[in-house]
Structure formats: C-alpha cells, structure tokens
C-alpha cells in the first residue's frame, strides 16, 4: 500500500526553504494570464504552517492599502511557486498567529529572532 501512496505523492519543491510561523517571507508565484505567464510577488508574515505529505500548506498575511488584511494560502509542494525568500525570522510562542488579525500598528509587530 505504501508503494501506491508514493506513486500518487507530488514531488517536493526544492525552492521552498524551512519555514516557521512568524517568518517574514516573499513568495514568488507564477501566474498564467491568457497565453502569457508572469511572476507575482506576495510579501507578508506566515501566520500558519500545516505539514503533511501532499496537503501541506502555509498561510501568508499582509496588510494591503487602506489597512485591509489579505491572506493567501500556498501549497508546500506546488510547482507554481518559483521561490520563497525568508527576509526575517521572528520569535513566536504559538503555531497559529490568528491574533494578528485583530492587531494594528505597533501591537501587530513581532520581535526579531537573531540566530
């Protein structure tokens, strides 16, 4: 049975580094519009990371114009992800940072982890 599961499993995307909740990341995603394809950047804080074989994903939150929060979930094994750059690691004490949705300004900042 394990051979059958391995046959269905998606290949690991090597462009995605080790990610943690609280990291400030830039996700470069390939977008197809009609006949042409372009790379779009999504910059924000990881508020959730779920592991798993094919179903692993991470959610990135950023604050767009006029203070509107935008969240986007990316699959860990997606071939559409061109690369992920970790700009900063933060010290967090939780796995899911849903409380950041209610925070504004200074209270929404996370302490930087130096290591």
PDB file of N, CA and C in Angstrom:
ATOM      1  N   UNK A   1       0.817  -1.194   0.000  1.00  0.00           N
ATOM      2  CA  UNK A   1       0.000   0.000   0.000  1.00  0.00           C
ATOM      3  C   UNK A   1       0.862   1.260   0.000  1.00  0.00           C
ATOM      4  N   UNK A   2       2.014   1.199   0.642  1.00  0.00           N
ATOM      5  CA  UNK A   2       2.860   2.385   0.695  1.00  0.00           C
ATOM      6  C   UNK A   2       3.419   2.722  -0.695  1.00  0.00           C
ATOM      7  N   UNK A   3       3.610   1.713  -1.553  1.00  0.00           N
ATOM      8  CA  UNK A   3       4.064   1.983  -2.921  1.00  0.00           C
ATOM      9  C   UNK A   3       3.001   2.749  -3.693  1.00  0.00           C
ATOM     10  N   UNK A   4       1.744   2.433  -3.455  1.00  0.00           N
ATOM     11  CA  UNK A   4       0.649   3.131  -4.114  1.00  0.00           C
ATOM     12  C   UNK A   4       0.587   4.592  -3.672  1.00  0.00           C
ATOM     13  N   UNK A   5       0.780   4.839  -2.372  1.00  0.00           N
ATOM     14  CA  UNK A   5       0.773   6.208  -1.865  1.00  0.00           C
ATOM     15  C   UNK A   5       1.953   7.012  -2.413  1.00  0.00           C
ATOM     16  N   UNK A   6       3.104   6.395  -2.536  1.00  0.00           N
ATOM     17  CA  UNK A   6       4.273   7.086  -3.075  1.00  0.00           C
ATOM     18  C   UNK A   6       4.100   7.416  -4.545  1.00  0.00           C
ATOM     19  N   UNK A   7       3.348   6.608  -5.259  1.00  0.00           N
ATOM     20  CA  UNK A   7       3.118   6.866  -6.679  1.00  0.00           C
ATOM     21  C   UNK A   7       2.232   8.091  -6.887  1.00  0.00           C
ATOM     22  N   UNK A   8       1.339   8.361  -5.943  1.00  0.00           N
ATOM     23  CA  UNK A   8       0.408   9.480  -6.062  1.00  0.00           C
ATOM     24  C   UNK A   8       1.008  10.764  -5.482  1.00  0.00           C
ATOM     25  N   UNK A   9       2.025  10.632  -4.656  1.00  0.00           N
ATOM     26  CA  UNK A   9       2.611  11.776  -3.958  1.00  0.00           C
ATOM     27  C   UNK A   9       3.288  12.752  -4.920  1.00  0.00           C
ATOM     28  N   UNK A  10       3.090  14.050  -4.686  1.00  0.00           N
ATOM     29  CA  UNK A  10       3.701  15.089  -5.522  1.00  0.00           C
ATOM     30  C   UNK A  10       5.173  15.239  -5.160  1.00  0.00           C
ATOM     31  N   UNK A  11       6.013  15.608  -6.123  1.00  0.00           N
ATOM     32  CA  UNK A  11       7.436  15.794  -5.810  1.00  0.00           C
ATOM     33  C   UNK A  11       7.647  17.028  -4.934  1.00  0.00           C
ATOM     34  N   UNK A  12       8.681  16.988  -4.119  1.00  0.00           N
ATOM     35  CA  UNK A  12       8.986  18.085  -3.205  1.00  0.00           C
ATOM     36  C   UNK A  12       9.538  19.267  -4.001  1.00  0.00           C
ATOM     37  N   UNK A  13       9.037  20.463  -3.697  1.00  0.00           N
ATOM     38  CA  UNK A  13       9.525  21.685  -4.332  1.00  0.00           C
ATOM     39  C   UNK A  13      10.782  22.119  -3.586  1.00  0.00           C
ATOM     40  N   UNK A  14      11.932  22.062  -4.251  1.00  0.00           N
ATOM     41  CA  UNK A  14      13.207  22.376  -3.602  1.00  0.00           C
ATOM     42  C   UNK A  14      13.437  23.868  -3.452  1.00  0.00           C
ATOM     43  N   UNK A  15      12.584  24.709  -4.043  1.00  0.00           N
ATOM     44  CA  UNK A  15      12.730  26.163  -3.947  1.00  0.00           C
ATOM     45  C   UNK A  15      12.133  26.731  -2.667  1.00  0.00           C
ATOM     46  N   UNK A  16      11.544  25.886  -1.828  1.00  0.00           N
ATOM     47  CA  UNK A  16      10.925  26.345  -0.587  1.00  0.00           C
ATOM     48  C   UNK A  16      11.823  25.944   0.580  1.00  0.00           C
ATOM     49  N   UNK A  17      12.372  26.920   1.331  1.00  0.00           N
ATOM     50  CA  UNK A  17      13.231  26.587   2.479  1.00  0.00           C
ATOM     51  C   UNK A  17      12.399  26.149   3.680  1.00  0.00           C
ATOM     52  N   UNK A  18      13.068  25.907   4.798  1.00  0.00           N
ATOM     53  CA  UNK A  18      12.391  25.544   6.032  1.00  0.00           C
ATOM     54  C   UNK A  18      11.673  26.780   6.574  1.00  0.00           C
ATOM     55  N   UNK A  19      10.358  26.712   6.706  1.00  0.00           N
ATOM     56  CA  UNK A  19       9.540  27.856   7.110  1.00  0.00           C
ATOM     57  C   UNK A  19       8.959  27.632   8.498  1.00  0.00           C
ATOM     58  N   UNK A  20       8.730  28.746   9.217  1.00  0.00           N
ATOM     59  CA  UNK A  20       8.121  28.690  10.544  1.00  0.00           C
ATOM     60  C   UNK A  20       7.107  29.813  10.666  1.00  0.00           C
ATOM     61  N   UNK A  21       6.209  29.684  11.619  1.00  0.00           N
ATOM     62  CA  UNK A  21       5.250  30.755  11.884  1.00  0.00           C
ATOM     63  C   UNK A  21       5.993  31.992  12.363  1.00  0.00           C
ATOM     64  N   UNK A  22       5.567  33.152  11.878  1.00  0.00           N
ATOM     65  CA  UNK A  22       6.192  34.400  12.268  1.00  0.00           C
ATOM     66  C   UNK A  22       7.264  34.878  11.314  1.00  0.00           C
ATOM     67  N   UNK A  23       7.669  34.062  10.359  1.00  0.00           N
ATOM     68  CA  UNK A  23       8.683  34.476   9.394  1.00  0.00           C
ATOM     69  C   UNK A  23       8.102  35.484   8.416  1.00  0.00           C
ATOM     70  N   UNK A  24       8.887  36.498   8.076  1.00  0.00           N
ATOM     71  CA  UNK A  24       8.510  37.462   7.045  1.00  0.00           C
ATOM     72  C   UNK A  24       9.093  36.928   5.736  1.00  0.00           C
ATOM     73  N   UNK A  25       8.225  36.634   4.772  1.00  0.00           N
ATOM     74  CA  UNK A  25       8.667  35.972   3.542  1.00  0.00           C
ATOM     75  C   UNK A  25       8.209  36.725   2.305  1.00  0.00           C
ATOM     76  N   UNK A  26       8.908  36.453   1.215  1.00  0.00           N
ATOM     77  CA  UNK A  26       8.485  36.867  -0.112  1.00  0.00           C
ATOM     78  C   UNK A  26       8.244  35.589  -0.896  1.00  0.00           C
ATOM     79  N   UNK A  27       7.030  35.430  -1.403  1.00  0.00           N
ATOM     80  CA  UNK A  27       6.669  34.260  -2.200  1.00  0.00           C
ATOM     81  C   UNK A  27       6.535  34.706  -3.642  1.00  0.00           C
ATOM     82  N   UNK A  28       7.314  34.102  -4.525  1.00  0.00           N
ATOM     83  CA  UNK A  28       7.255  34.409  -5.944  1.00  0.00           C
ATOM     84  C   UNK A  28       6.456  33.298  -6.617  1.00  0.00           C
ATOM     85  N   UNK A  29       5.312  33.684  -7.188  1.00  0.00           N
ATOM     86  CA  UNK A  29       4.349  32.731  -7.727  1.00  0.00           C
ATOM     87  C   UNK A  29       4.153  32.968  -9.212  1.00  0.00           C
ATOM     88  N   UNK A  30       4.151  31.887  -9.989  1.00  0.00           N
ATOM     89  CA  UNK A  30       3.908  32.007 -11.424  1.00  0.00           C
ATOM     90  C   UNK A  30       2.414  32.084 -11.675  1.00  0.00           C
ATOM     91  N   UNK A  31       1.978  33.158 -12.371  1.00  0.00           N
ATOM     92  CA  UNK A  31       0.569  33.390 -12.682  1.00  0.00           C
ATOM     93  C   UNK A  31       0.398  33.295 -14.178  1.00  0.00           C
ATOM     94  N   UNK A  32      -0.614  32.560 -14.614  1.00  0.00           N
ATOM     95  CA  UNK A  32      -0.891  32.434 -16.047  1.00  0.00           C
ATOM     96  C   UNK A  32      -2.102  33.289 -16.387  1.00  0.00           C
ATOM     97  N   UNK A  33      -1.907  34.240 -17.304  1.00  0.00           N
ATOM     98  CA  UNK A  33      -2.989  35.105 -17.762  1.00  0.00           C
ATOM     99  C   UNK A  33      -3.110  34.962 -19.265  1.00  0.00           C
ATOM    100  N   UNK A  34      -4.095  34.237 -19.686  1.00  0.00           N
ATOM    101  CA  UNK A  34      -4.273  34.006 -21.115  1.00  0.00           C
ATOM    102  C   UNK A  34      -3.132  33.170 -21.670  1.00  0.00           C
ATOM    103  N   UNK A  35      -2.404  33.729 -22.635  1.00  0.00           N
ATOM    104  CA  UNK A  35      -1.311  33.000 -23.270  1.00  0.00           C
ATOM    105  C   UNK A  35       0.030  33.233 -22.578  1.00  0.00           C
ATOM    106  N   UNK A  36       0.169  34.364 -21.858  1.00  0.00           N
ATOM    107  CA  UNK A  36       1.464  34.661 -21.251  1.00  0.00           C
ATOM    108  C   UNK A  36       1.477  34.340 -19.760  1.00  0.00           C
ATOM    109  N   UNK A  37       2.695  34.202 -19.237  1.00  0.00           N
ATOM    110  CA  UNK A  37       2.900  33.843 -17.852  1.00  0.00           C
ATOM    111  C   UNK A  37       3.825  34.859 -17.208  1.00  0.00           C
ATOM    112  N   UNK A  38       3.530  35.237 -15.955  1.00  0.00           N
ATOM    113  CA  UNK A  38       4.370  36.205 -15.256  1.00  0.00           C
ATOM    114  C   UNK A  38       4.569  35.747 -13.823  1.00  0.00           C
ATOM    115  N   UNK A  39       5.536  36.386 -13.143  1.00  0.00           N
ATOM    116  CA  UNK A  39       5.828  36.046 -11.754  1.00  0.00           C
ATOM    117  C   UNK A  39       5.308  37.174 -10.862  1.00  0.00           C
ATOM    118  N   UNK A  40       4.505  36.818  -9.871  1.00  0.00           N
ATOM    119  CA  UNK A  40       3.931  37.787  -8.952  1.00  0.00           C
ATOM    120  C   UNK A  40       4.526  37.568  -7.559  1.00  0.00           C
ATOM    121  N   UNK A  41       4.851  38.654  -6.890  1.00  0.00           N
ATOM    122  CA  UNK A  41       5.435  38.585  -5.558  1.00  0.00           C
ATOM    123  C   UNK A  41       4.358  38.844  -4.514  1.00  0.00           C
ATOM    124  N   UNK A  42       4.354  38.032  -3.456  1.00  0.00           N
ATOM    125  CA  UNK A  42       3.441  38.225  -2.329  1.00  0.00           C
ATOM    126  C   UNK A  42       4.289  38.253  -1.074  1.00  0.00           C
ATOM    127  N   UNK A  43       4.332  39.401  -0.394  1.00  0.00           N
ATOM    128  CA  UNK A  43       5.202  39.594   0.765  1.00  0.00           C
ATOM    129  C   UNK A  43       4.353  39.718   2.010  1.00  0.00           C
ATOM    130  N   UNK A  44       4.680  38.944   3.046  1.00  0.00           N
ATOM    131  CA  UNK A  44       3.923  39.022   4.289  1.00  0.00           C
ATOM    132  C   UNK A  44       4.469  38.102   5.357  1.00  0.00           C
ATOM    133  N   UNK A  45       3.706  37.944   6.429  1.00  0.00           N
ATOM    134  CA  UNK A  45       4.087  37.136   7.583  1.00  0.00           C
ATOM    135  C   UNK A  45       3.357  35.802   7.533  1.00  0.00           C
ATOM    136  N   UNK A  46       4.084  34.736   7.823  1.00  0.00           N
ATOM    137  CA  UNK A  46       3.460  33.415   7.884  1.00  0.00           C
ATOM    138  C   UNK A  46       2.690  33.324   9.190  1.00  0.00           C
ATOM    139  N   UNK A  47       1.379  33.128   9.092  1.00  0.00           N
ATOM    140  CA  UNK A  47       0.568  33.011  10.306  1.00  0.00           C
ATOM    141  C   UNK A  47       0.186  31.564  10.603  1.00  0.00           C
ATOM    142  N   UNK A  48       0.404  30.682   9.644  1.00  0.00           N
ATOM    143  CA  UNK A  48       0.072  29.273   9.868  1.00  0.00           C
ATOM    144  C   UNK A  48       0.891  28.405   8.940  1.00  0.00           C
ATOM    145  N   UNK A  49       1.355  27.276   9.449  1.00  0.00           N
ATOM    146  CA  UNK A  49       2.024  26.288   8.612  1.00  0.00           C
ATOM    147  C   UNK A  49       1.477  24.922   8.983  1.00  0.00           C
ATOM    148  N   UNK A  50       0.998  24.224   7.984  1.00  0.00           N
ATOM    149  CA  UNK A  50       0.471  22.881   8.204  1.00  0.00           C
ATOM    150  C   UNK A  50       1.335  21.912   7.427  1.00  0.00           C
ATOM    151  N   UNK A  51       1.800  20.889   8.099  1.00  0.00           N
ATOM    152  CA  UNK A  51       2.629  19.905   7.421  1.00  0.00           C
ATOM    153  C   UNK A  51       1.757  18.747   6.957  1.00  0.00           C
ATOM    154  N   UNK A  52       2.317  17.929   6.140  1.00  0.00           N
ATOM    155  CA  UNK A  52       1.607  16.798   5.578  1.00  0.00           C
ATOM    156  C   UNK A  52       2.232  16.457   4.251  1.00  0.00           C
ATOM    157  N   UNK A  53       1.975  15.274   3.773  1.00  0.00           N
ATOM    158  CA  UNK A  53       2.617  14.836   2.536  1.00  0.00           C
ATOM    159  C   UNK A  53       2.192  15.710   1.362  1.00  0.00           C
ATOM    160  N   UNK A  54       1.021  15.483   0.834  1.00  0.00           N
ATOM    161  CA  UNK A  54       0.557  16.280  -0.298  1.00  0.00           C
ATOM    162  C   UNK A  54      -0.237  17.500   0.132  1.00  0.00           C
ATOM    163  N   UNK A  55      -0.792  17.476   1.320  1.00  0.00           N
ATOM    164  CA  UNK A  55      -1.678  18.550   1.746  1.00  0.00           C
ATOM    165  C   UNK A  55      -1.016  19.637   2.567  1.00  0.00           C
ATOM    166  N   UNK A  56       0.301  19.641   2.668  1.00  0.00           N
ATOM    167  CA  UNK A  56       0.985  20.648   3.465  1.00  0.00           C
ATOM    168  C   UNK A  56       0.843  22.030   2.853  1.00  0.00           C
ATOM    169  N   UNK A  57       0.575  23.039   3.685  1.00  0.00           N
ATOM    170  CA  UNK A  57       0.434  24.395   3.171  1.00  0.00           C
ATOM    171  C   UNK A  57       0.852  25.406   4.223  1.00  0.00           C
ATOM    172  N   UNK A  58       1.002  26.647   3.790  1.00  0.00           N
ATOM    173  CA  UNK A  58       1.294  27.735   4.711  1.00  0.00           C
ATOM    174  C   UNK A  58       0.500  28.954   4.279  1.00  0.00           C
ATOM    175  N   UNK A  59       0.071  29.748   5.258  1.00  0.00           N
ATOM    176  CA  UNK A  59      -0.748  30.923   5.008  1.00  0.00           C
ATOM    177  C   UNK A  59       0.069  32.166   5.299  1.00  0.00           C
ATOM    178  N   UNK A  60       0.069  33.092   4.345  1.00  0.00           N
ATOM    179  CA  UNK A  60       0.823  34.337   4.462  1.00  0.00           C
ATOM    180  C   UNK A  60      -0.178  35.483   4.555  1.00  0.00           C
ATOM    181  N   UNK A  61       0.051  36.396   5.498  1.00  0.00           N
ATOM    182  CA  UNK A  61      -0.828  37.545   5.697  1.00  0.00           C
ATOM    183  C   UNK A  61      -0.044  38.824   5.476  1.00  0.00           C
ATOM    184  N   UNK A  62      -0.653  39.750   4.733  1.00  0.00           N
ATOM    185  CA  UNK A  62      -0.072  41.074   4.560  1.00  0.00           C
ATOM    186  C   UNK A  62      -1.180  42.101   4.689  1.00  0.00           C
ATOM    187  N   UNK A  63      -0.794  43.332   4.975  1.00  0.00           N
ATOM    188  CA  UNK A  63      -1.758  44.414   5.076  1.00  0.00           C
ATOM    189  C   UNK A  63      -1.656  45.229   3.795  1.00  0.00           C
ATOM    190  N   UNK A  64      -2.725  45.246   3.024  1.00  0.00           N
ATOM    191  CA  UNK A  64      -2.766  45.974   1.755  1.00  0.00           C
ATOM    192  C   UNK A  64      -3.108  47.440   2.022  1.00  0.00           C
ATOM    193  N   UNK A  65      -3.432  48.156   0.971  1.00  0.00           N
ATOM    194  CA  UNK A  65      -3.743  49.574   1.122  1.00  0.00           C
ATOM    195  C   UNK A  65      -5.013  49.775   1.951  1.00  0.00           C
ATOM    196  N   UNK A  66      -5.089  50.896   2.616  1.00  0.00           N
ATOM    197  CA  UNK A  66      -6.205  51.270   3.494  1.00  0.00           C
ATOM    198  C   UNK A  66      -6.365  50.329   4.678  1.00  0.00           C
ATOM    199  N   UNK A  67      -5.300  49.613   5.054  1.00  0.00           N
ATOM    200  CA  UNK A  67      -5.340  48.758   6.236  1.00  0.00           C
ATOM    201  C   UNK A  67      -6.143  47.493   6.094  1.00  0.00           C
ATOM    202  N   UNK A  68      -6.377  47.055   4.877  1.00  0.00           N
ATOM    203  CA  UNK A  68      -7.146  45.830   4.645  1.00  0.00           C
ATOM    204  C   UNK A  68      -6.185  44.646   4.642  1.00  0.00           C
ATOM    205  N   UNK A  69      -6.472  43.656   5.480  1.00  0.00           N
ATOM    206  CA  UNK A  69      -5.626  42.476   5.563  1.00  0.00           C
ATOM    207  C   UNK A  69      -5.959  41.488   4.456  1.00  0.00           C
ATOM    208  N   UNK A  70      -4.903  40.948   3.837  1.00  0.00           N
ATOM    209  CA  UNK A  70      -5.065  39.967   2.771  1.00  0.00           C
ATOM    210  C   UNK A  70      -4.293  38.718   3.165  1.00  0.00           C
ATOM    211  N   UNK A  71      -4.957  37.579   3.125  1.00  0.00           N
ATOM    212  CA  UNK A  71      -4.306  36.304   3.435  1.00  0.00           C
ATOM    213  C   UNK A  71      -4.364  35.406   2.222  1.00  0.00           C
ATOM    214  N   UNK A  72      -3.280  34.671   2.021  1.00  0.00           N
ATOM    215  CA  UNK A  72      -3.227  33.767   0.880  1.00  0.00           C
ATOM    216  C   UNK A  72      -2.547  32.482   1.320  1.00  0.00           C
ATOM    217  N   UNK A  73      -3.112  31.357   0.942  1.00  0.00           N
ATOM    218  CA  UNK A  73      -2.581  30.055   1.314  1.00  0.00           C
ATOM    219  C   UNK A  73      -1.867  29.441   0.120  1.00  0.00           C
ATOM    220  N   UNK A  74      -0.657  28.938   0.368  1.00  0.00           N
ATOM    221  CA  UNK A  74       0.159  28.321  -0.678  1.00  0.00           C
ATOM    222  C   UNK A  74       0.416  26.866  -0.311  1.00  0.00           C
ATOM    223  N   UNK A  75       0.356  25.998  -1.284  1.00  0.00           N
ATOM    224  CA  UNK A  75       0.671  24.587  -1.079  1.00  0.00           C
ATOM    225  C   UNK A  75       2.184  24.414  -1.048  1.00  0.00           C
ATOM    226  N   UNK A  76       2.692  23.601  -0.122  1.00  0.00           N
ATOM    227  CA  UNK A  76       4.130  23.415   0.017  1.00  0.00           C
ATOM    228  C   UNK A  76       4.756  22.723  -1.196  1.00  0.00           C
ATOM    229  N   UNK A  77       4.026  21.847  -1.836  1.00  0.00           N
ATOM    230  CA  UNK A  77       4.583  21.095  -2.963  1.00  0.00           C
ATOM    231  C   UNK A  77       4.126  21.623  -4.315  1.00  0.00           C
ATOM    232  N   UNK A  78       3.630  22.845  -4.354  1.00  0.00           N
ATOM    233  CA  UNK A  78       3.107  23.400  -5.593  1.00  0.00           C
ATOM    234  C   UNK A  78       4.231  23.695  -6.585  1.00  0.00           C
ATOM    235  N   UNK A  79       4.092  23.263  -7.821  1.00  0.00           N
ATOM    236  CA  UNK A  79       5.106  23.604  -8.827  1.00  0.00           C
ATOM    237  C   UNK A  79       4.972  25.054  -9.310  1.00  0.00           C
ATOM    238  N   UNK A  80       3.888  25.738  -8.959  1.00  0.00           N
ATOM    239  CA  UNK A  80       3.683  27.132  -9.356  1.00  0.00           C
ATOM    240  C   UNK A  80       4.548  28.103  -8.546  1.00  0.00           C
ATOM    241  N   UNK A  81       5.029  27.672  -7.383  1.00  0.00           N
ATOM    242  CA  UNK A  81       5.876  28.537  -6.560  1.00  0.00           C
ATOM    243  C   UNK A  81       7.273  28.540  -7.154  1.00  0.00           C
ATOM    244  N   UNK A  82       7.709  29.716  -7.579  1.00  0.00           N
ATOM    245  CA  UNK A  82       9.037  29.865  -8.180  1.00  0.00           C
ATOM    246  C   UNK A  82      10.123  29.807  -7.111  1.00  0.00           C
ATOM    247  N   UNK A  83       9.960  30.619  -6.059  1.00  0.00           N
ATOM    248  CA  UNK A  83      10.894  30.588  -4.934  1.00  0.00           C
ATOM    249  C   UNK A  83      10.261  31.295  -3.748  1.00  0.00           C
ATOM    250  N   UNK A  84      10.812  31.014  -2.572  1.00  0.00           N
ATOM    251  CA  UNK A  84      10.382  31.658  -1.337  1.00  0.00           C
ATOM    252  C   UNK A  84      11.637  32.186  -0.652  1.00  0.00           C
ATOM    253  N   UNK A  85      11.659  33.484  -0.370  1.00  0.00           N
ATOM    254  CA  UNK A  85      12.779  34.106   0.329  1.00  0.00           C
ATOM    255  C   UNK A  85      12.341  34.472   1.741  1.00  0.00           C
ATOM    256  N   UNK A  86      13.107  34.021   2.738  1.00  0.00           N
ATOM    257  CA  UNK A  86      12.823  34.381   4.125  1.00  0.00           C
ATOM    258  C   UNK A  86      13.625  35.637   4.430  1.00  0.00           C
ATOM    259  N   UNK A  87      12.916  36.743   4.683  1.00  0.00           N
ATOM    260  CA  UNK A  87      13.581  38.018   4.963  1.00  0.00           C
ATOM    261  C   UNK A  87      13.944  38.157   6.432  1.00  0.00           C
ATOM    262  N   UNK A  88      13.121  37.591   7.307  1.00  0.00           N
ATOM    263  CA  UNK A  88      13.324  37.802   8.735  1.00  0.00           C
ATOM    264  C   UNK A  88      12.639  36.690   9.513  1.00  0.00           C
ATOM    265  N   UNK A  89      13.294  36.225  10.576  1.00  0.00           N
ATOM    266  CA  UNK A  89      12.705  35.252  11.488  1.00  0.00           C
ATOM    267  C   UNK A  89      12.225  35.993  12.728  1.00  0.00           C
ATOM    268  N   UNK A  90      11.079  35.599  13.260  1.00  0.00           N
ATOM    269  CA  UNK A  90      10.532  36.243  14.442  1.00  0.00           C
ATOM    270  C   UNK A  90      10.346  35.234  15.558  1.00  0.00           C
ATOM    271  N   UNK A  91      10.434  35.716  16.795  1.00  0.00           N
ATOM    272  CA  UNK A  91      10.206  34.879  17.960  1.00  0.00           C
ATOM    273  C   UNK A  91       8.712  34.831  18.232  1.00  0.00           C
ATOM    274  N   UNK A  92       8.131  33.654  18.157  1.00  0.00           N
ATOM    275  CA  UNK A  92       6.709  33.478  18.452  1.00  0.00           C
ATOM    276  C   UNK A  92       6.554  32.305  19.401  1.00  0.00           C
ATOM    277  N   UNK A  93       5.455  32.314  20.138  1.00  0.00           N
ATOM    278  CA  UNK A  93       5.215  31.255  21.122  1.00  0.00           C
ATOM    279  C   UNK A  93       4.012  30.400  20.750  1.00  0.00           C
ATOM    280  N   UNK A  94       3.481  30.615  19.552  1.00  0.00           N
ATOM    281  CA  UNK A  94       2.319  29.856  19.094  1.00  0.00           C
ATOM    282  C   UNK A  94       2.562  29.331  17.702  1.00  0.00           C
ATOM    283  N   UNK A  95       1.818  28.323  17.322  1.00  0.00           N
ATOM    284  CA  UNK A  95       1.936  27.763  15.981  1.00  0.00           C
ATOM    285  C   UNK A  95       1.064  28.538  14.995  1.00  0.00           C
ATOM    286  N   UNK A  96      -0.124  28.952  15.435  1.00  0.00           N
ATOM    287  CA  UNK A  96      -1.025  29.738  14.590  1.00  0.00           C
ATOM    288  C   UNK A  96      -1.134  31.145  15.161  1.00  0.00           C
ATOM    289  N   UNK A  97      -0.867  32.129  14.329  1.00  0.00           N
ATOM    290  CA  UNK A  97      -0.837  33.521  14.783  1.00  0.00           C
ATOM    291  C   UNK A  97      -2.100  34.257  14.338  1.00  0.00           C
ATOM    292  N   UNK A  98      -3.249  33.671  14.626  1.00  0.00           N
ATOM    293  CA  UNK A  98      -4.508  34.277  14.213  1.00  0.00           C
ATOM    294  C   UNK A  98      -4.787  35.575  14.956  1.00  0.00           C
ATOM    295  N   UNK A  99      -4.157  35.782  16.113  1.00  0.00           N
ATOM    296  CA  UNK A  99      -4.395  37.007  16.877  1.00  0.00           C
ATOM    297  C   UNK A  99      -3.889  38.240  16.141  1.00  0.00           C
ATOM    298  N   UNK A 100      -3.016  38.077  15.148  1.00  0.00           N
ATOM    299  CA  UNK A 100      -2.521  39.221  14.380  1.00  0.00           C
ATOM    300  C   UNK A 100      -3.627  39.860  13.540  1.00  0.00           C
ATOM    301  N   UNK A 101      -4.706  39.124  13.297  1.00  0.00           N
ATOM    302  CA  UNK A 101      -5.819  39.676  12.513  1.00  0.00           C
ATOM    303  C   UNK A 101      -6.486  40.835  13.237  1.00  0.00           C
ATOM    304  N   UNK A 102      -6.481  40.819  14.560  1.00  0.00           N
ATOM    305  CA  UNK A 102      -7.140  41.860  15.349  1.00  0.00           C
ATOM    306  C   UNK A 102      -6.199  42.991  15.744  1.00  0.00           C
ATOM    307  N   UNK A 103      -4.925  42.868  15.427  1.00  0.00           N
ATOM    308  CA  UNK A 103      -3.941  43.860  15.849  1.00  0.00           C
ATOM    309  C   UNK A 103      -3.672  44.880  14.756  1.00  0.00           C
ATOM    310  N   UNK A 104      -3.351  46.109  15.183  1.00  0.00           N
ATOM    311  CA  UNK A 104      -2.996  47.186  14.260  1.00  0.00           C
ATOM    312  C   UNK A 104      -1.757  47.887  14.801  1.00  0.00           C
ATOM    313  N   UNK A 105      -0.954  48.450  13.936  1.00  0.00           N
ATOM    314  CA  UNK A 105       0.176  49.284  14.343  1.00  0.00           C
ATOM    315  C   UNK A 105       1.266  48.536  15.083  1.00  0.00           C
ATOM    316  N   UNK A 106       1.725  49.131  16.208  1.00  0.00           N
ATOM    317  CA  UNK A 106       2.851  48.562  16.941  1.00  0.00           C
ATOM    318  C   UNK A 106       2.526  47.210  17.567  1.00  0.00           C
ATOM    319  N   UNK A 107       1.301  47.008  17.962  1.00  0.00           N
ATOM    320  CA  UNK A 107       0.935  45.746  18.614  1.00  0.00           C
ATOM    321  C   UNK A 107       0.933  44.578  17.630  1.00  0.00           C
ATOM    322  N   UNK A 108       0.971  44.867  16.338  1.00  0.00           N
ATOM    323  CA  UNK A 108       0.986  43.813  15.332  1.00  0.00           C
ATOM    324  C   UNK A 108       2.408  43.389  14.977  1.00  0.00           C
ATOM    325  N   UNK A 109       3.407  44.049  15.565  1.00  0.00           N
ATOM    326  CA  UNK A 109       4.788  43.702  15.254  1.00  0.00           C
ATOM    327  C   UNK A 109       5.238  42.492  16.050  1.00  0.00           C
ATOM    328  N   UNK A 110       6.166  41.722  15.483  1.00  0.00           N
ATOM    329  CA  UNK A 110       6.745  40.563  16.147  1.00  0.00           C
ATOM    330  C   UNK A 110       8.223  40.844  16.387  1.00  0.00           C
ATOM    331  N   UNK A 111       8.751  40.312  17.502  1.00  0.00           N
ATOM    332  CA  UNK A 111      10.167  40.507  17.820  1.00  0.00           C
ATOM    333  C   UNK A 111      11.023  39.661  16.898  1.00  0.00           C
ATOM    334  N   UNK A 112      12.120  40.254  16.446  1.00  0.00           N
ATOM    335  CA  UNK A 112      13.014  39.562  15.529  1.00  0.00           C
ATOM    336  C   UNK A 112      13.859  38.546  16.293  1.00  0.00           C
ATOM    337  N   UNK A 113      14.061  37.376  15.680  1.00  0.00           N
ATOM    338  CA  UNK A 113      14.892  36.329  16.265  1.00  0.00           C
ATOM    339  C   UNK A 113      16.253  36.380  15.599  1.00  0.00           C
ATOM    340  N   UNK A 114      17.296  36.513  16.385  1.00  0.00           N
ATOM    341  CA  UNK A 114      18.657  36.571  15.852  1.00  0.00           C
ATOM    342  C   UNK A 114      19.319  35.223  16.067  1.00  0.00           C
ATOM    343  N   UNK A 115      19.422  34.445  14.989  1.00  0.00           N
ATOM    344  CA  UNK A 115      20.135  33.159  15.081  1.00  0.00           C
ATOM    345  C   UNK A 115      20.334  32.595  13.711  1.00  0.00           C
TER     346      UNK A 115
END
